[in-house]
C-alpha atoms as a PDB file:
ATOM      1  CA  MET A   1       0.035   0.103   0.144  1.00  0.00           C
ATOM      2  CA  LEU A   2       1.455   3.089  -0.858  1.00  0.00           C
ATOM      3  CA  ILE A   3       1.442   6.323   1.853  1.00  0.00           C
ATOM      4  CA  THR A   4      -1.143   8.310   1.082  1.00  0.00           C
ATOM      5  CA  ASP A   5      -3.497  10.822   3.178  1.00  0.00           C
ATOM      6  CA  PRO A   6      -5.220   9.487   5.108  1.00  0.00           C
ATOM      7  CA  CYS A   7      -3.400   6.290   6.351  1.00  0.00           C
ATOM      8  CA  VAL A   8      -1.552   4.958   9.202  1.00  0.00           C
ATOM      9  CA  VAL A   9       2.282   4.080   9.118  1.00  0.00           C
ATOM     10  CA  SER A  10       3.964   1.929  11.619  1.00  0.00           C
ATOM     11  CA  LEU A  11       7.505   3.478  11.691  1.00  0.00           C
ATOM     12  CA  LEU A  12      11.201   2.916  13.315  1.00  0.00           C
ATOM     13  CA  TRP A  13      13.732   5.904  14.029  1.00  0.00           C
ATOM     14  CA  THR A  14      16.356   7.082  15.392  1.00  0.00           C
ATOM     15  CA  LEU A  15      16.215  10.969  16.227  1.00  0.00           C
ATOM     16  CA  SER A  16      19.856  12.735  16.812  1.00  0.00           C
ATOM     17  CA  ASP A  17      21.095  16.082  17.207  1.00  0.00           C
ATOM     18  CA  ALA A  18      23.326  17.864  14.393  1.00  0.00           C
ATOM     19  CA  GLN A  19      26.353  16.129  16.126  1.00  0.00           C
ATOM     20  CA  GLY A  20      25.125  12.739  15.979  1.00  0.00           C
ATOM     21  CA  GLN A  21      24.364  12.259  19.314  1.00  0.00           C
ATOM     22  CA  ALA A  22      20.983  10.292  19.816  1.00  0.00           C
ATOM     23  CA  ILE A  23      18.184  12.049  21.413  1.00  0.00           C
ATOM     24  CA  ASP A  24      15.619   9.420  20.853  1.00  0.00           C
ATOM     25  CA  GLU A  25      15.362   5.870  19.603  1.00  0.00           C
ATOM     26  CA  LEU A  26      12.071   4.171  18.491  1.00  0.00           C
ATOM     27  CA  ASP A  27      13.307   0.591  18.072  1.00  0.00           C
ATOM     28  CA  GLU A  28       9.894  -0.904  18.271  1.00  0.00           C
ATOM     29  CA  PRO A  29       7.628  -0.401  15.339  1.00  0.00           C
ATOM     30  CA  MET A  30       4.682   2.281  16.561  1.00  0.00           C
ATOM     31  CA  GLU A  31       2.062   3.387  14.502  1.00  0.00           C
ATOM     32  CA  PHE A  32       1.375   7.167  13.610  1.00  0.00           C
ATOM     33  CA  PHE A  33      -1.569   8.821  11.536  1.00  0.00           C
ATOM     34  CA  PHE A  34      -0.281   9.966   7.970  1.00  0.00           C
ATOM     35  CA  GLY A  35      -2.301  13.437   6.777  1.00  0.00           C
ATOM     36  CA  GLY A  36      -3.115  14.711  10.233  1.00  0.00           C
ATOM     37  CA  ASP A  37      -1.496  15.403  13.321  1.00  0.00           C
ATOM     38  CA  ASP A  38       1.037  13.077  14.528  1.00  0.00           C
ATOM     39  CA  LEU A  39       3.851  13.700  12.123  1.00  0.00           C
ATOM     40  CA  LEU A  40       6.162  16.528  11.299  1.00  0.00           C
ATOM     41  CA  PRO A  41       5.280  18.069   7.696  1.00  0.00           C
ATOM     42  CA  ARG A  42       8.546  17.332   6.589  1.00  0.00           C
ATOM     43  CA  LEU A  43       8.571  13.913   7.705  1.00  0.00           C
ATOM     44  CA  GLU A  44       5.359  13.457   5.766  1.00  0.00           C
ATOM     45  CA  GLU A  45       6.538  15.153   2.697  1.00  0.00           C
ATOM     46  CA  ALA A  46       9.302  12.384   2.700  1.00  0.00           C
ATOM     47  CA  LEU A  47       7.105   9.324   3.594  1.00  0.00           C
ATOM     48  CA  HIS A  48       4.102  10.644   0.916  1.00  0.00           C
ATOM     49  CA  GLY A  49       4.024   8.069  -1.864  1.00  0.00           C
ATOM     50  CA  GLN A  50       6.488   5.574  -0.200  1.00  0.00           C
ATOM     51  CA  ARG A  51       5.919   2.014   0.697  1.00  0.00           C
ATOM     52  CA  ALA A  52       6.794  -0.399   3.511  1.00  0.00           C
ATOM     53  CA  GLY A  53      10.782  -0.824   3.709  1.00  0.00           C
ATOM     54  CA  PHE A  54      11.244   2.846   2.474  1.00  0.00           C
ATOM     55  CA  GLU A  55      14.059   4.210   4.170  1.00  0.00           C
ATOM     56  CA  ALA A  56      15.166   7.940   4.601  1.00  0.00           C
ATOM     57  CA  ALA A  57      17.820  10.189   6.512  1.00  0.00           C
ATOM     58  CA  LEU A  58      16.216  13.506   7.026  1.00  0.00           C
ATOM     59  CA  HIS A  59      17.988  16.754   8.305  1.00  0.00           C
ATOM     60  CA  LEU A  60      15.505  18.986   9.913  1.00  0.00           C
ATOM     61  CA  GLU A  61      16.246  22.918  10.481  1.00  0.00           C
ATOM     62  CA  PRO A  62      14.512  24.021  13.676  1.00  0.00           C
ATOM     63  CA  GLU A  63      12.032  25.741  11.296  1.00  0.00           C
ATOM     64  CA  HIS A  64      11.067  22.109   9.680  1.00  0.00           C
ATOM     65  CA  ALA A  65      11.333  20.572  13.379  1.00  0.00           C
ATOM     66  CA  PHE A  66      10.133  22.224  16.813  1.00  0.00           C
ATOM     67  CA  GLY A  67      10.460  25.716  15.731  1.00  0.00           C
ATOM     68  CA  ASP A  68      13.363  28.254  16.738  1.00  0.00           C
ATOM     69  CA  TYR A  69      13.968  28.833  20.346  1.00  0.00           C
ATOM     70  CA  ARG A  70      11.733  32.059  21.767  1.00  0.00           C
ATOM     71  CA  ALA A  71      13.210  33.676  24.615  1.00  0.00           C
ATOM     72  CA  GLU A  72       9.786  35.403  25.368  1.00  0.00           C
ATOM     73  CA  LEU A  73       8.568  31.841  26.098  1.00  0.00           C
ATOM     74  CA  VAL A  74      10.887  32.035  29.334  1.00  0.00           C
ATOM     75  CA  CYS A  75       9.055  33.440  32.624  1.00  0.00           C
ATOM     76  CA  PHE A  76       9.695  33.770  36.518  1.00  0.00           C
ATOM     77  CA  GLU A  77       6.851  33.062  38.727  1.00  0.00           C
ATOM     78  CA  ASP A  78       6.385  33.230  42.596  1.00  0.00           C
ATOM     79  CA  ARG A  79       7.739  29.716  44.182  1.00  0.00           C
ATOM     80  CA  ALA A  80       4.649  29.696  46.340  1.00  0.00           C
ATOM     81  CA  LEU A  81       2.413  28.787  43.386  1.00  0.00           C
ATOM     82  CA  PHE A  82       3.911  25.489  42.924  1.00  0.00           C
ATOM     83  CA  PRO A  83       3.500  22.465  45.359  1.00  0.00           C
ATOM     84  CA  ASP A  84       6.183  21.148  47.382  1.00  0.00           C
ATOM     85  CA  GLY A  85       8.421  18.520  45.666  1.00  0.00           C
ATOM     86  CA  ILE A  86       8.748  20.241  42.273  1.00  0.00           C
ATOM     87  CA  GLU A  87      11.797  19.453  40.372  1.00  0.00           C
ATOM     88  CA  GLU A  88      13.594  20.800  37.173  1.00  0.00           C
ATOM     89  CA  GLY A  89      12.360  18.976  34.366  1.00  0.00           C
ATOM     90  CA  MET A  90       8.516  18.919  35.350  1.00  0.00           C
ATOM     91  CA  GLN A  91       6.381  19.715  33.271  1.00  0.00           C
ATOM     92  CA  PHE A  92       3.003  21.722  33.509  1.00  0.00           C
ATOM     93  CA  ASP A  93       0.084  22.204  31.062  1.00  0.00           C
ATOM     94  CA  GLY A  94       0.078  26.076  31.111  1.00  0.00           C
ATOM     95  CA  LEU A  95       0.977  28.300  33.958  1.00  0.00           C
ATOM     96  CA  PRO A  96      -0.070  27.863  37.517  1.00  0.00           C
ATOM     97  CA  GLU A  97      -3.205  29.453  39.041  1.00  0.00           C
ATOM     98  CA  GLY A  98      -2.144  32.957  40.251  1.00  0.00           C
ATOM     99  CA  ALA A  99       0.513  33.217  37.470  1.00  0.00           C
ATOM    100  CA  GLN A 100       1.699  36.978  36.949  1.00  0.00           C
ATOM    101  CA  THR A 101       3.223  36.824  33.626  1.00  0.00           C
ATOM    102  CA  THR A 102       1.019  38.116  30.925  1.00  0.00           C
ATOM    103  CA  GLY A 103       0.951  37.189  27.244  1.00  0.00           C
ATOM    104  CA  MET A 104       2.173  33.796  27.754  1.00  0.00           C
ATOM    105  CA  PRO A 105       0.341  30.953  25.662  1.00  0.00           C
ATOM    106  CA  PRO A 106      -2.258  29.320  27.973  1.00  0.00           C
ATOM    107  CA  ASP A 107      -1.980  26.185  26.460  1.00  0.00           C
ATOM    108  CA  ALA A 108       1.785  25.723  26.118  1.00  0.00           C
ATOM    109  CA  ILE A 109       3.764  22.924  27.962  1.00  0.00           C
ATOM    110  CA  TYR A 110       6.194  24.680  30.582  1.00  0.00           C
ATOM    111  CA  THR A 111       8.982  23.142  31.828  1.00  0.00           C
ATOM    112  CA  ILE A 112      10.870  23.888  34.976  1.00  0.00           C
ATOM    113  CA  THR A 113      14.257  24.699  34.113  1.00  0.00           C
ATOM    114  CA  GLU A 114      15.299  26.443  37.710  1.00  0.00           C
ATOM    115  CA  ILE A 115      14.007  26.876  41.161  1.00  0.00           C
ATOM    116  CA  TYR A 116      15.086  29.299  43.609  1.00  0.00           C
ATOM    117  CA  PRO A 117      13.690  29.919  46.972  1.00  0.00           C
ATOM    118  CA  SER A 118      11.426  33.046  45.899  1.00  0.00           C
ATOM    119  CA  HIS A 119      10.985  32.119  42.165  1.00  0.00           C
ATOM    120  CA  VAL A 120      10.599  29.126  39.417  1.00  0.00           C
ATOM    121  CA  VAL A 121      11.852  29.525  35.881  1.00  0.00           C
ATOM    122  CA  LEU A 122       9.483  28.397  33.272  1.00  0.00           C
ATOM    123  CA  ASP A 123      10.205  27.655  29.800  1.00  0.00           C
ATOM    124  CA  GLY A 124       7.403  27.107  27.083  1.00  0.00           C
ATOM    125  CA  ASN A 125       9.433  26.277  24.305  1.00  0.00           C
ATOM    126  CA  HIS A 126       9.542  22.704  23.180  1.00  0.00           C
ATOM    127  CA  PRO A 127      12.811  20.926  24.615  1.00  0.00           C
ATOM    128  CA  LEU A 128      14.238  20.795  21.326  1.00  0.00           C
ATOM    129  CA  ALA A 129      13.067  24.173  19.806  1.00  0.00           C
ATOM    130  CA  GLY A 130      16.169  26.014  18.059  1.00  0.00           C
ATOM    131  CA  MET A 131      17.789  22.344  17.297  1.00  0.00           C
ATOM    132  CA  ALA A 132      18.768  21.043  13.834  1.00  0.00           C
ATOM    133  CA  LEU A 133      18.184  17.443  14.021  1.00  0.00           C
ATOM    134  CA  ARG A 134      18.777  14.375  12.142  1.00  0.00           C
ATOM    135  CA  LEU A 135      16.175  11.732  11.790  1.00  0.00           C
ATOM    136  CA  ASP A 136      16.819   8.364  10.371  1.00  0.00           C
ATOM    137  CA  VAL A 137      13.473   6.664   9.672  1.00  0.00           C
ATOM    138  CA  ARG A 138      12.118   3.417   8.155  1.00  0.00           C
ATOM    139  CA  VAL A 139       8.566   2.492   7.430  1.00  0.00           C
ATOM    140  CA  VAL A 140       7.459  -1.046   9.043  1.00  0.00           C
ATOM    141  CA  SER A 141       4.150  -1.103   7.455  1.00  0.00           C
ATOM    142  CA  VAL A 142       1.285   0.822   6.066  1.00  0.00           C
ATOM    143  CA  ARG A 143      -2.583   0.404   6.496  1.00  0.00           C
ATOM    144  CA  PRO A 144      -5.730   1.971   5.677  1.00  0.00           C
ATOM    145  CA  ALA A 145      -7.033   4.403   8.766  1.00  0.00           C
ATOM    146  CA  THR A 146     -10.379   3.515  10.471  1.00  0.00           C
ATOM    147  CA  ASP A 147     -13.200   6.068  10.599  1.00  0.00           C
ATOM    148  CA  GLU A 148     -12.323   6.777  14.236  1.00  0.00           C
ATOM    149  CA  GLU A 149      -8.352   7.619  13.307  1.00  0.00           C
ATOM    150  CA  ARG A 150      -9.869   9.824  10.370  1.00  0.00           C
ATOM    151  CA  SER A 151     -12.077  11.832  12.609  1.00  0.00           C
ATOM    152  CA  ALA A 152      -9.339  12.192  15.359  1.00  0.00           C
ATOM    153  CA  ARG A 153      -6.776  13.056  12.584  1.00  0.00           C
ATOM    154  CA  SER A 154      -4.485  10.770  15.061  1.00  0.00           C
ATOM    155  CA  VAL A 155      -3.802   6.938  15.989  1.00  0.00           C
ATOM    156  CA  ALA A 156      -3.814   7.385  19.606  1.00  0.00           C
ATOM    157  CA  ASP A 157      -6.159   9.275  22.158  1.00  0.00           C
ATOM    158  CA  ASP A 158      -3.044  10.434  24.067  1.00  0.00           C
ATOM    159  CA  ALA A 159      -1.573  12.548  21.162  1.00  0.00           C
ATOM    160  CA  ILE A 160       1.779  10.111  20.769  1.00  0.00           C
ATOM    161  CA  ALA A 161       3.397  12.345  18.048  1.00  0.00           C
ATOM    162  CA  LEU A 162       6.115  13.458  16.418  1.00  0.00           C
ATOM    163  CA  ALA A 163       4.810  16.835  15.883  1.00  0.00           C
ATOM    164  CA  PRO A 164       5.890  20.575  16.938  1.00  0.00           C
ATOM    165  CA  LEU A 165       3.492  20.412  19.875  1.00  0.00           C
ATOM    166  CA  ALA A 166       4.278  17.296  21.164  1.00  0.00           C
ATOM    167  CA  ALA A 167       5.334  17.078  24.799  1.00  0.00           C
ATOM    168  CA  ALA A 168       8.853  16.248  25.921  1.00  0.00           C
ATOM    169  CA  THR A 169       8.513  13.300  28.178  1.00  0.00           C
ATOM    170  CA  GLY A 170      12.161  12.250  27.942  1.00  0.00           C
ATOM    171  CA  ARG A 171      11.126  10.323  24.556  1.00  0.00           C
ATOM    172  CA  LEU A 172       9.156  11.643  21.936  1.00  0.00           C
ATOM    173  CA  HIS A 173       6.786   8.955  21.466  1.00  0.00           C
END
């Protein structure tokens, strides 16, 4: 079956930084919705019209991956707004209740980058923002999308994806 919109592709990949340091490895096949919200547009461009067995090595500049790093997405919030036990690297959907910083995207995922006695530093950038990346990918299989997948524009309800707004969890899938 050819990869065309909409379908589901099962992929393996290794994602590395520009120096070749591995960032993420998908060593068991995982399904992604093609033609929706699961994959980066440049990856979809490379996969379009291909079949199972196709392999590609993609170089992705930041604008084609997770965007440029935007310093304006970094803010400081009062330490008292956060629960005890927070740690650097923890992530939150949106800013905490009572946040004082204005103009921040309310739907962004914010990562704690530093903790001080008086304040916490939050970063709304994707952890891979501003990085040039290399993605070595192999198509394991291709199948038609179900009605539910076409409606959701995704394979999974929990938004497992390699897309610009994917949450960083230490792994990208």
